Amino acid sequence: MLDHVSFQCADIGASKAFYDAVLEPLGGVRVMDFGEAVGYGVPPNPDFWIGQLSTGEGFRESHIAFTAEDRAAVRAFFNAAVAAGAAVLHEPRLWPEYHATYYGAFVRDPDGNNVEAVCHSRE
């Protein structure tokens, strides 16, 4: 249903470094880079975009969950995020209140957005 999602970033350089690090364990790479706008995804399709803040006032938290192939990828995402300086919201764990095999980790990106990696399969 979704074609792509985009976040505006206060510091595009910091956000590029963050998303380069945390999306790599999930198989995501920079597919397009226009300097002030970057599209990430699995080539050739950029489905997650970041761009320099250009509209609106004030901050409104957004949440995005990236699919992880397995639980090891969720842990690798989390470790990369922490190494990149992300604030930890929730360490990797099962979330049985969502469903029996929902395994996710949640961090904050450089702009304060809630970014998650999730795996829905059994270990």
Protein backbone atom coordinates (compact mmCIF):
# COMPACT_ATOMS: atom_id res chain seq x y z
CA MET A 1 0.00 0.00 0.00
CA LEU A 2 2.80 2.46 0.79
CA ASP A 3 5.10 3.63 -1.96
CA HIS A 4 7.45 5.66 0.23
CA VAL A 5 7.77 7.64 3.47
CA SER A 6 9.84 10.77 4.10
CA PHE A 7 11.14 12.47 7.26
CA GLN A 8 12.44 16.04 7.42
CA CYS A 9 15.71 16.34 9.36
CA ALA A 10 17.25 19.29 11.18
CA ASP A 11 20.79 18.10 10.38
CA ILE A 12 20.84 16.10 7.14
CA GLY A 13 24.49 15.07 7.64
CA ALA A 14 23.82 13.57 11.08
CA SER A 15 20.71 11.81 9.77
CA LYS A 16 22.57 10.37 6.77
CA ALA A 17 25.23 8.93 9.08
CA PHE A 18 22.56 7.50 11.41
CA TYR A 19 20.45 5.87 8.69
CA ASP A 20 23.52 4.60 6.79
CA ALA A 21 24.50 2.74 9.98
CA VAL A 22 21.14 1.41 11.16
CA LEU A 23 19.67 0.39 7.80
CA GLU A 24 22.74 -1.57 6.66
CA PRO A 25 22.01 -4.55 8.96
CA LEU A 26 18.48 -4.63 7.52
CA GLY A 27 19.68 -4.66 3.89
CA GLY A 28 18.89 -1.00 3.23
CA VAL A 29 21.30 1.28 1.39
CA ARG A 30 21.32 4.73 -0.17
CA VAL A 31 19.58 4.24 -3.49
CA MET A 32 19.48 7.95 -4.43
CA ASP A 33 21.35 10.91 -2.95
CA PHE A 34 20.56 14.47 -4.02
CA GLY A 35 22.53 16.07 -1.19
CA GLU A 36 19.59 17.60 0.69
CA ALA A 37 17.40 14.51 0.07
CA VAL A 38 18.37 10.85 0.31
CA GLY A 39 16.34 7.78 -0.63
CA TYR A 40 17.06 4.48 1.13
CA GLY A 41 15.83 1.03 0.23
CA VAL A 42 16.71 -2.16 -1.54
CA PRO A 43 17.92 -1.22 -5.04
CA PRO A 44 16.44 0.00 -7.23
CA ASN A 45 13.55 1.20 -5.03
CA PRO A 46 14.00 4.03 -2.51
CA ASP A 47 11.04 3.67 -0.16
CA PHE A 48 12.35 5.64 2.84
CA TRP A 49 13.48 9.23 2.32
CA ILE A 50 15.11 11.84 4.53
CA GLY A 51 15.46 15.49 3.61
CA GLN A 52 16.60 18.77 5.08
CA LEU A 53 13.92 20.42 7.25
CA SER A 54 12.16 22.93 5.04
CA THR A 55 8.53 23.29 6.15
CA GLY A 56 6.49 23.52 9.31
CA GLU A 57 7.28 24.65 12.82
CA GLY A 58 7.96 22.63 15.91
CA PHE A 59 8.60 18.94 16.30
CA ARG A 60 6.05 16.15 15.95
CA GLU A 61 7.37 12.69 16.69
CA SER A 62 7.01 10.17 13.90
CA HIS A 63 7.35 6.40 14.12
CA ILE A 64 8.64 4.06 11.46
CA ALA A 65 9.25 0.32 11.70
CA PHE A 66 11.69 -1.35 9.33
CA THR A 67 11.34 -5.07 8.58
CA ALA A 68 14.23 -7.23 9.75
CA GLU A 69 14.89 -10.61 8.15
CA ASP A 70 15.54 -12.26 11.50
CA ARG A 71 16.10 -11.48 15.17
CA ALA A 72 19.85 -11.21 14.66
CA ALA A 73 19.19 -8.33 12.24
CA VAL A 74 17.04 -6.59 14.89
CA ARG A 75 19.95 -6.89 17.33
CA ALA A 76 22.42 -5.65 14.71
CA PHE A 77 20.15 -2.65 13.97
CA PHE A 78 19.98 -1.90 17.69
CA ASN A 79 23.75 -2.18 18.17
CA ALA A 80 24.41 0.06 15.17
CA ALA A 81 21.93 2.64 16.48
CA VAL A 82 23.51 2.70 19.95
CA ALA A 83 26.97 2.98 18.40
CA ALA A 84 25.69 5.92 16.34
CA GLY A 85 24.55 7.65 19.55
CA ALA A 86 20.84 6.89 19.43
CA ALA A 87 18.79 7.11 22.60
CA VAL A 88 17.37 3.72 23.53
CA LEU A 89 13.61 3.49 23.82
CA HIS A 90 13.34 -0.32 24.10
CA GLU A 91 16.08 -2.91 23.81
CA PRO A 92 15.45 -5.92 21.53
CA ARG A 93 12.82 -8.25 22.98
CA LEU A 94 9.61 -10.10 22.29
CA TRP A 95 6.42 -8.03 22.40
CA PRO A 96 3.74 -10.69 23.05
CA GLU A 97 1.08 -8.00 23.48
CA TYR A 98 1.40 -7.43 19.70
CA HIS A 99 1.65 -11.14 18.78
CA ALA A 100 3.59 -14.19 19.94
CA THR A 101 6.61 -13.76 17.62
CA TYR A 102 6.84 -9.94 17.41
CA TYR A 103 10.51 -9.18 18.15
CA GLY A 104 11.50 -5.53 18.02
CA ALA A 105 13.88 -2.82 19.18
CA PHE A 106 13.12 0.92 19.35
CA VAL A 107 15.52 3.90 19.30
CA ARG A 108 15.41 7.64 18.63
CA ASP A 109 16.99 9.06 15.48
CA PRO A 110 18.95 12.36 15.56
CA ASP A 111 15.67 14.31 15.26
CA GLY A 112 13.90 12.42 18.06
CA ASN A 113 11.76 10.14 15.89
CA ASN A 114 10.88 6.65 17.12
CA VAL A 115 12.65 4.18 14.80
CA GLU A 116 12.07 0.44 15.11
CA ALA A 117 13.37 -2.75 13.57
CA VAL A 118 10.97 -5.69 13.80
CA CYS A 119 11.00 -9.38 12.92
CA HIS A 120 7.73 -11.33 12.89
CA SER A 121 9.09 -14.86 12.57
CA ARG A 122 10.23 -17.37 15.15
CA GLU A 123 13.91 -17.62 16.00
